[in-house]
Amino acid sequence: MPTLPLQTLRKRSDFLRLNSGRRWAVPGLVLQMKPTPDGPDGAGAGLRLGLTVTKKIGNAVVRNRVRRRLRAAALEVLPVSGQPGHDYVLIARAGAQLRDYAALKGDIEAALRRVHRPQSKTS
């Protein structure tokens, strides 16, 4: 299976736009997802990833370690399990620091399956 190009979300407006998208929380993180907008900034064909690690997680050393672990796990999982034309934001939860790396990857895969599941239409 060919892997998809992965770009990084850097603008605050992109992160705010994903707040209104689909989200799913798992023990190590919260995944937010929304289709990429069409336009000059929206690539449309690839995947875009943003990472958020707040000060609640710990000091700068801990936050950077968690950010590196999340980025590494996402780079392994998203090109295979992500869908083209979507933006993703991973928000670290307090458990991400001590979570096993394989479990962190499993969290991302589980959250991806959940946010891409068709929404049920309730009347």
N, C-alpha and C. Protein backbone atom coordinates (compact mmCIF):
# COMPACT_ATOMS: atom_id res chain seq x y z
N MET A 1 0.85 -1.18 0.00
CA MET A 1 0.00 0.00 0.00
C MET A 1 0.89 1.24 0.00
N PRO A 2 0.67 2.19 -0.92
CA PRO A 2 1.51 3.39 -0.95
C PRO A 2 1.19 4.30 0.22
N THR A 3 2.22 4.97 0.72
CA THR A 3 2.01 5.89 1.83
C THR A 3 1.69 7.27 1.29
N LEU A 4 0.99 8.04 2.08
CA LEU A 4 0.56 9.37 1.68
C LEU A 4 1.51 10.42 2.23
N PRO A 5 1.67 11.54 1.52
CA PRO A 5 2.53 12.60 2.06
C PRO A 5 1.90 13.21 3.31
N LEU A 6 2.72 13.58 4.27
CA LEU A 6 2.24 14.11 5.54
C LEU A 6 2.79 15.52 5.72
N GLN A 7 1.88 16.49 5.86
CA GLN A 7 2.27 17.88 6.08
C GLN A 7 1.94 18.25 7.51
N THR A 8 2.52 19.36 7.98
CA THR A 8 2.33 19.79 9.35
C THR A 8 1.40 21.00 9.41
N LEU A 9 0.44 20.97 10.33
CA LEU A 9 -0.41 22.12 10.59
C LEU A 9 0.36 23.09 11.47
N ARG A 10 0.40 24.34 11.08
CA ARG A 10 1.14 25.34 11.85
C ARG A 10 0.30 26.55 12.23
N LYS A 11 -0.75 26.83 11.48
CA LYS A 11 -1.56 28.03 11.73
C LYS A 11 -2.61 27.79 12.80
N ARG A 12 -2.79 28.77 13.66
CA ARG A 12 -3.78 28.68 14.72
C ARG A 12 -5.17 28.48 14.14
N SER A 13 -5.45 29.11 13.01
CA SER A 13 -6.78 29.00 12.39
C SER A 13 -7.09 27.55 11.99
N ASP A 14 -6.08 26.80 11.58
CA ASP A 14 -6.30 25.39 11.25
C ASP A 14 -6.67 24.59 12.50
N PHE A 15 -5.98 24.85 13.61
CA PHE A 15 -6.28 24.15 14.85
C PHE A 15 -7.69 24.51 15.34
N LEU A 16 -8.07 25.78 15.22
CA LEU A 16 -9.41 26.20 15.64
C LEU A 16 -10.48 25.59 14.75
N ARG A 17 -10.20 25.44 13.46
CA ARG A 17 -11.15 24.84 12.52
C ARG A 17 -11.42 23.38 12.90
N LEU A 18 -10.40 22.68 13.35
CA LEU A 18 -10.58 21.28 13.71
C LEU A 18 -11.36 21.09 15.01
N ASN A 19 -11.49 22.14 15.81
CA ASN A 19 -12.30 22.04 17.03
C ASN A 19 -13.75 21.69 16.72
N SER A 20 -14.23 22.07 15.54
CA SER A 20 -15.62 21.78 15.18
C SER A 20 -15.76 20.47 14.42
N GLY A 21 -14.66 19.74 14.26
CA GLY A 21 -14.69 18.47 13.53
C GLY A 21 -15.02 17.30 14.45
N ARG A 22 -14.80 16.11 13.94
CA ARG A 22 -15.05 14.90 14.73
C ARG A 22 -13.87 14.67 15.67
N ARG A 23 -14.16 14.10 16.83
CA ARG A 23 -13.12 13.84 17.82
C ARG A 23 -13.41 12.55 18.55
N TRP A 24 -12.32 11.95 19.03
CA TRP A 24 -12.46 10.75 19.83
C TRP A 24 -11.33 10.72 20.84
N ALA A 25 -11.67 10.41 22.08
CA ALA A 25 -10.68 10.36 23.16
C ALA A 25 -10.35 8.91 23.48
N VAL A 26 -9.07 8.64 23.61
CA VAL A 26 -8.55 7.34 24.03
C VAL A 26 -7.61 7.61 25.20
N PRO A 27 -7.13 6.60 25.91
CA PRO A 27 -6.35 6.86 27.13
C PRO A 27 -5.15 7.79 26.96
N GLY A 28 -4.42 7.74 25.86
CA GLY A 28 -3.21 8.54 25.72
C GLY A 28 -3.39 9.88 25.03
N LEU A 29 -4.51 10.04 24.30
CA LEU A 29 -4.65 11.25 23.49
C LEU A 29 -6.09 11.47 23.08
N VAL A 30 -6.32 12.65 22.50
CA VAL A 30 -7.59 12.97 21.85
C VAL A 30 -7.26 13.25 20.39
N LEU A 31 -8.01 12.62 19.48
CA LEU A 31 -7.81 12.83 18.05
C LEU A 31 -8.95 13.67 17.52
N GLN A 32 -8.60 14.74 16.81
CA GLN A 32 -9.58 15.56 16.13
C GLN A 32 -9.36 15.40 14.64
N MET A 33 -10.45 15.35 13.85
CA MET A 33 -10.34 15.14 12.42
C MET A 33 -11.40 15.97 11.70
N LYS A 34 -10.98 16.50 10.55
CA LYS A 34 -11.91 17.23 9.69
C LYS A 34 -11.33 17.19 8.28
N PRO A 35 -12.18 17.13 7.26
CA PRO A 35 -11.66 17.16 5.89
C PRO A 35 -10.86 18.44 5.61
N THR A 36 -9.84 18.31 4.80
CA THR A 36 -9.01 19.45 4.42
C THR A 36 -9.82 20.40 3.55
N PRO A 37 -9.78 21.71 3.83
CA PRO A 37 -10.53 22.65 2.99
C PRO A 37 -9.87 22.81 1.62
N ASP A 38 -10.68 23.08 0.62
CA ASP A 38 -10.13 23.38 -0.69
C ASP A 38 -9.67 24.83 -0.70
N GLY A 39 -8.53 25.07 -1.27
CA GLY A 39 -7.99 26.43 -1.31
C GLY A 39 -6.49 26.41 -1.40
N PRO A 40 -5.85 27.59 -1.33
CA PRO A 40 -4.41 27.65 -1.48
C PRO A 40 -3.65 26.94 -0.36
N ASP A 41 -4.17 26.98 0.87
CA ASP A 41 -3.48 26.33 1.99
C ASP A 41 -3.84 24.86 2.11
N GLY A 42 -5.02 24.48 1.68
CA GLY A 42 -5.45 23.09 1.78
C GLY A 42 -4.91 22.28 0.62
N ALA A 43 -4.06 21.32 0.92
CA ALA A 43 -3.44 20.53 -0.13
C ALA A 43 -4.47 19.62 -0.80
N GLY A 44 -5.44 19.13 -0.04
CA GLY A 44 -6.49 18.32 -0.61
C GLY A 44 -6.14 16.85 -0.75
N ALA A 45 -4.98 16.51 -1.29
CA ALA A 45 -4.66 15.12 -1.58
C ALA A 45 -3.94 14.42 -0.42
N GLY A 46 -3.15 15.16 0.34
CA GLY A 46 -2.34 14.54 1.38
C GLY A 46 -3.01 14.59 2.74
N LEU A 47 -2.23 14.27 3.75
CA LEU A 47 -2.66 14.33 5.14
C LEU A 47 -1.94 15.49 5.81
N ARG A 48 -2.64 16.13 6.74
CA ARG A 48 -1.99 17.19 7.51
C ARG A 48 -2.15 16.84 8.98
N LEU A 49 -1.08 17.04 9.76
CA LEU A 49 -1.04 16.65 11.17
C LEU A 49 -0.64 17.83 12.03
N GLY A 50 -1.34 17.99 13.14
CA GLY A 50 -0.98 18.97 14.15
C GLY A 50 -0.88 18.27 15.50
N LEU A 51 0.01 18.77 16.35
CA LEU A 51 0.20 18.21 17.68
C LEU A 51 0.00 19.28 18.73
N THR A 52 -0.66 18.93 19.83
CA THR A 52 -0.86 19.85 20.93
C THR A 52 -0.50 19.14 22.23
N VAL A 53 0.41 19.75 23.00
CA VAL A 53 0.77 19.23 24.31
C VAL A 53 0.75 20.43 25.26
N THR A 54 -0.21 20.44 26.18
CA THR A 54 -0.39 21.59 27.06
C THR A 54 0.51 21.52 28.28
N LYS A 55 0.55 22.60 29.03
CA LYS A 55 1.37 22.66 30.23
C LYS A 55 0.85 21.76 31.34
N LYS A 56 -0.38 21.26 31.20
CA LYS A 56 -0.92 20.32 32.19
C LYS A 56 -0.12 19.01 32.18
N ILE A 57 0.52 18.71 31.06
CA ILE A 57 1.26 17.46 30.91
C ILE A 57 2.54 17.48 31.75
N GLY A 58 3.20 18.64 31.83
CA GLY A 58 4.44 18.73 32.60
C GLY A 58 5.28 19.90 32.15
N ASN A 59 6.55 19.89 32.57
CA ASN A 59 7.44 20.99 32.19
C ASN A 59 7.87 20.83 30.73
N ALA A 60 8.71 21.72 30.24
CA ALA A 60 9.09 21.74 28.83
C ALA A 60 9.76 20.45 28.38
N VAL A 61 10.59 19.88 29.24
CA VAL A 61 11.28 18.64 28.90
C VAL A 61 10.28 17.51 28.68
N VAL A 62 9.32 17.39 29.58
CA VAL A 62 8.30 16.34 29.48
C VAL A 62 7.42 16.58 28.26
N ARG A 63 6.98 17.83 28.05
CA ARG A 63 6.13 18.14 26.90
C ARG A 63 6.83 17.81 25.59
N ASN A 64 8.11 18.15 25.47
CA ASN A 64 8.84 17.86 24.24
C ASN A 64 9.00 16.36 24.03
N ARG A 65 9.22 15.62 25.09
CA ARG A 65 9.33 14.16 24.97
C ARG A 65 8.01 13.57 24.49
N VAL A 66 6.90 14.03 25.08
CA VAL A 66 5.58 13.55 24.67
C VAL A 66 5.32 13.92 23.21
N ARG A 67 5.67 15.13 22.82
CA ARG A 67 5.48 15.59 21.43
C ARG A 67 6.27 14.71 20.46
N ARG A 68 7.51 14.39 20.81
CA ARG A 68 8.32 13.52 19.94
C ARG A 68 7.72 12.12 19.82
N ARG A 69 7.23 11.58 20.94
CA ARG A 69 6.63 10.25 20.91
C ARG A 69 5.35 10.25 20.08
N LEU A 70 4.51 11.28 20.23
CA LEU A 70 3.28 11.37 19.45
C LEU A 70 3.59 11.51 17.96
N ARG A 71 4.56 12.35 17.64
CA ARG A 71 4.92 12.55 16.23
C ARG A 71 5.43 11.25 15.61
N ALA A 72 6.29 10.54 16.32
CA ALA A 72 6.83 9.28 15.81
C ALA A 72 5.72 8.25 15.60
N ALA A 73 4.82 8.13 16.56
CA ALA A 73 3.72 7.18 16.43
C ALA A 73 2.79 7.57 15.28
N ALA A 74 2.50 8.86 15.15
CA ALA A 74 1.63 9.32 14.08
C ALA A 74 2.26 9.11 12.71
N LEU A 75 3.58 9.30 12.61
CA LEU A 75 4.25 9.09 11.32
C LEU A 75 4.23 7.62 10.90
N GLU A 76 4.11 6.71 11.85
CA GLU A 76 4.00 5.30 11.52
C GLU A 76 2.57 4.91 11.17
N VAL A 77 1.59 5.50 11.85
CA VAL A 77 0.21 5.06 11.72
C VAL A 77 -0.57 5.83 10.65
N LEU A 78 -0.46 7.15 10.63
CA LEU A 78 -1.29 7.96 9.73
C LEU A 78 -1.11 7.65 8.25
N PRO A 79 0.10 7.52 7.72
CA PRO A 79 0.21 7.24 6.28
C PRO A 79 -0.47 5.94 5.86
N VAL A 80 -0.61 5.00 6.79
CA VAL A 80 -1.23 3.71 6.47
C VAL A 80 -2.73 3.74 6.77
N SER A 81 -3.12 4.29 7.92
CA SER A 81 -4.51 4.22 8.36
C SER A 81 -5.31 5.50 8.13
N GLY A 82 -4.63 6.62 7.87
CA GLY A 82 -5.33 7.87 7.64
C GLY A 82 -5.94 7.92 6.25
N GLN A 83 -6.92 8.80 6.07
CA GLN A 83 -7.55 8.96 4.77
C GLN A 83 -7.06 10.23 4.10
N PRO A 84 -6.83 10.17 2.80
CA PRO A 84 -6.35 11.36 2.08
C PRO A 84 -7.37 12.49 2.16
N GLY A 85 -6.87 13.72 2.17
CA GLY A 85 -7.74 14.88 2.20
C GLY A 85 -8.31 15.18 3.56
N HIS A 86 -7.64 14.75 4.63
CA HIS A 86 -8.12 15.02 5.99
C HIS A 86 -7.01 15.65 6.82
N ASP A 87 -7.43 16.48 7.76
CA ASP A 87 -6.52 17.08 8.74
C ASP A 87 -6.74 16.38 10.07
N TYR A 88 -5.65 16.16 10.80
CA TYR A 88 -5.72 15.51 12.10
C TYR A 88 -4.94 16.33 13.12
N VAL A 89 -5.48 16.41 14.33
CA VAL A 89 -4.77 17.01 15.46
C VAL A 89 -4.76 16.00 16.59
N LEU A 90 -3.58 15.74 17.13
CA LEU A 90 -3.42 14.87 18.29
C LEU A 90 -3.18 15.74 19.51
N ILE A 91 -4.04 15.61 20.50
CA ILE A 91 -3.90 16.36 21.75
C ILE A 91 -3.50 15.37 22.83
N ALA A 92 -2.33 15.57 23.41
CA ALA A 92 -1.82 14.65 24.43
C ALA A 92 -2.65 14.74 25.70
N ARG A 93 -2.91 13.59 26.30
CA ARG A 93 -3.55 13.54 27.60
C ARG A 93 -2.49 13.19 28.63
N ALA A 94 -2.85 13.31 29.90
CA ALA A 94 -1.87 13.10 30.98
C ALA A 94 -1.23 11.72 30.92
N GLY A 95 -1.94 10.72 30.45
CA GLY A 95 -1.39 9.38 30.39
C GLY A 95 -0.39 9.15 29.28
N ALA A 96 -0.25 10.06 28.36
CA ALA A 96 0.64 9.87 27.20
C ALA A 96 2.10 9.77 27.60
N GLN A 97 2.48 10.42 28.66
CA GLN A 97 3.88 10.44 29.09
C GLN A 97 4.37 9.05 29.47
N LEU A 98 3.56 8.31 30.21
CA LEU A 98 3.97 7.00 30.72
C LEU A 98 3.42 5.84 29.88
N ARG A 99 2.63 6.14 28.87
CA ARG A 99 2.01 5.10 28.05
C ARG A 99 3.05 4.39 27.19
N ASP A 100 2.93 3.09 27.10
CA ASP A 100 3.81 2.29 26.26
C ASP A 100 3.67 2.74 24.80
N TYR A 101 4.79 2.72 24.05
CA TYR A 101 4.77 3.21 22.67
C TYR A 101 3.81 2.40 21.80
N ALA A 102 3.79 1.09 21.95
CA ALA A 102 2.87 0.25 21.17
C ALA A 102 1.42 0.58 21.52
N ALA A 103 1.15 0.84 22.79
CA ALA A 103 -0.20 1.22 23.21
C ALA A 103 -0.58 2.59 22.64
N LEU A 104 0.39 3.50 22.56
CA LEU A 104 0.15 4.82 21.98
C LEU A 104 -0.23 4.69 20.50
N LYS A 105 0.50 3.85 19.77
CA LYS A 105 0.16 3.59 18.37
C LYS A 105 -1.22 2.96 18.25
N GLY A 106 -1.53 2.04 19.15
CA GLY A 106 -2.85 1.42 19.16
C GLY A 106 -3.95 2.42 19.44
N ASP A 107 -3.66 3.39 20.33
CA ASP A 107 -4.63 4.45 20.61
C ASP A 107 -4.94 5.26 19.36
N ILE A 108 -3.90 5.60 18.61
CA ILE A 108 -4.09 6.39 17.39
C ILE A 108 -4.91 5.59 16.37
N GLU A 109 -4.58 4.30 16.21
CA GLU A 109 -5.32 3.46 15.26
C GLU A 109 -6.78 3.34 15.66
N ALA A 110 -7.05 3.13 16.95
CA ALA A 110 -8.43 3.00 17.42
C ALA A 110 -9.20 4.29 17.22
N ALA A 111 -8.57 5.42 17.51
CA ALA A 111 -9.24 6.71 17.34
C ALA A 111 -9.50 6.98 15.86
N LEU A 112 -8.57 6.63 14.99
CA LEU A 112 -8.78 6.81 13.55
C LEU A 112 -9.97 5.99 13.06
N ARG A 113 -10.05 4.74 13.50
CA ARG A 113 -11.19 3.91 13.10
C ARG A 113 -12.49 4.55 13.55
N ARG A 114 -12.48 5.10 14.75
CA ARG A 114 -13.71 5.67 15.30
C ARG A 114 -14.14 6.97 14.58
N VAL A 115 -13.20 7.87 14.34
CA VAL A 115 -13.61 9.14 13.72
C VAL A 115 -13.97 8.97 12.25
N HIS A 116 -13.50 7.91 11.60
CA HIS A 116 -13.85 7.69 10.20
C HIS A 116 -15.06 6.78 10.04
N ARG A 117 -15.60 6.29 11.16
CA ARG A 117 -16.82 5.48 11.11
C ARG A 117 -17.97 6.39 10.69
N PRO A 118 -18.85 5.92 9.81
CA PRO A 118 -19.99 6.76 9.41
C PRO A 118 -20.85 7.11 10.61
N GLN A 119 -21.31 8.34 10.62
CA GLN A 119 -22.15 8.79 11.74
C GLN A 119 -23.53 8.19 11.59
N SER A 120 -24.10 7.76 12.71
CA SER A 120 -25.47 7.23 12.68
C SER A 120 -26.42 8.40 12.68
N LYS A 121 -27.48 8.27 11.90
CA LYS A 121 -28.49 9.34 11.79
C LYS A 121 -29.65 8.96 12.70
N THR A 122 -29.80 9.69 13.79
CA THR A 122 -30.89 9.45 14.72
C THR A 122 -31.98 10.44 14.45
N SER A 123 -33.21 10.01 14.54
CA SER A 123 -34.35 10.89 14.25
C SER A 123 -34.87 11.54 15.47
